[in-house]
Amino acid sequence: APRVRFAPSPTGVLHVGGARTALFNWLFAQSQGGQMILRIEDTDEARSTAESEAAILDSLRWCGITWDEGPDVGGPFGPYRQTDRIKSGIYRRALDKLLAEGKAYMCFLTGDELEEMREKATRNEQAFVVDSPWARASKAEVKEMLDKGAPYVYRFRVPKGRSIVMEDLVLGEVCKSSDDVGGDFVIVRRSGVPMYNFCVVVDDAHMQITHVFRAQEHLENTPKQLLLYEALGLPPPKFGHMPLILSPDRTKLSKRDGAVAVGDYKQLGYLPSGMVNYLAQLGWNDGTTKEIYTVEELVEAFRLERMSKVAAIFDHEKLKWVNGNHLRRLSDEDAVEMIGAELVKDGIVRTASGEFVRQAALILKERISVLSEAGAALRRMLAFDVDAMLADERFEKWVMDGSIEETARCLLAAEADGEFEALNFKKLVERISEARGGVKKKKLLAPIRLCLTSDDQGPNMVRFFEMLRHVDDN
């Protein structure tokens, strides 16, 4: 069975791009009866924090993405944090193997020397390729530097003129030359902390990962990683590089395009099911015109062959529309609980209970796209700005032809007779229709709605009255 992994760095929050990577790995594992592994790549010691790790795990759980092995649940291939793996000596053993076989070496090049090489390449209009004299140094030369206490890194010896061919599960065949990876690359820093490309290869091999699905920006790392697999005598996994997510102007998605962190969408009142539904369609579809899916339907429909090669555009309006569809699918109980909590947060009601909250939630569920719109939408329904309505040119015809005045008189008469006590909308409509000489449909109903809500758009009036009947101290 396939083993896939999601391996975030705990240096910030979980962005929508990372969430989509995790989701596609999870969908693949779920649809194939495989396992999902969560690994924390925390070798950037300056920027990695425990708070960030906790926030990333929280966001994944909110999306409903689960894992079979990871730092919180353990597993047979632990530890699942790279800093803990360094302590366990796993990378050191791999490095010793490369050194023993002459496939890696100590390099004492200073920052200044590297900078000089880089500048020379620029002057000659050539690509910068590291050609370290330490690749050819004698044991005596190395010993002399070590005796001086000179700092060093470990570099991987890149074989020359090798063609690297990969069958990418999304992009098809990808070919690179070993001469295009920039020369011998660093695999262990001066501090003794191993570099990303080295860690990833050792970890994926040790954790028996069979498939690596990640964003296309990682494609440039793959040739280096394949060379390392080969040098270490390890079988590489299958790779699939997924399309990037761009903002509507086709630049990289960033904060200026609005929320980019999953946690922000949670705060804004999006549903996990809406978020997951939308993310799944950024770069994948099942070949039909279907747009709204439950998580179970996504697992059922997911096939890697349907992954797109081209970038996906992140469209906030579309996400909102998808989320609105999921709101409407909520059970009455869930709608009352979630929307009720929003109304409490907004200070409209004291507690998320009682018949008024229930009726309001059932009306709102059909009218809003995200939970955070609930308060404003209810306020609009209950607000009553008669002056603004009478001055609004959209309603001019109803004012000019006397419909509003006639309807208002009828409503006042009905109130004087105590008919509002029962708040029976049907009876009220019949009474007004009769009093206005039998007018029907829009001519009858639009002026009533304007007189009672000061707007010609709004909820079903029978349900609206049902809600008003239950206005209470809450």
Foldseek 3Di string as FASTA:
>chain_A
DFEEEQEEELQAFAFLQSLLLLLLRQLVCLLVVHFYEYAYEHLVVVRHDPVSVVRRVVLNVQLVRDGDDACVPHDDLDDRYVVVVVVVCLLVVLVVLCVVVLQKFKALDDPVNLVVQCVVCVVVVHDAADDGPRSVDDPVVVVVCVVVVGFIFMWGAQDAFAWDWAQALAPGIDIDTSVPLRGTGTQADSVRRGDDLSSVLSSCQSVVHAEYEHAPVCVSSVVVNVRSCVSSVTDDHHYHHAAAEPEPVRHHDDCVSPDGGSVVQVVQFFHSQLSSLVSNPFFFDLPDPDRADGSVVSSVRDDSHRGHPYGGYDDPVVSLVNRLVVLLVDDLVVLLVLLLVLCCVVVNDVGSDDDLSSLLSNQVSNPGSGSNCSNVQVCLQQDADLVCLCVDPVCVVCVVVCLLVLLVVLVVVCVVVVVCLVLQVVVSLVSSCVSVPNDDDCSSPQSNSCNRNVDSDGTDSRSVSVSVNTDDPD
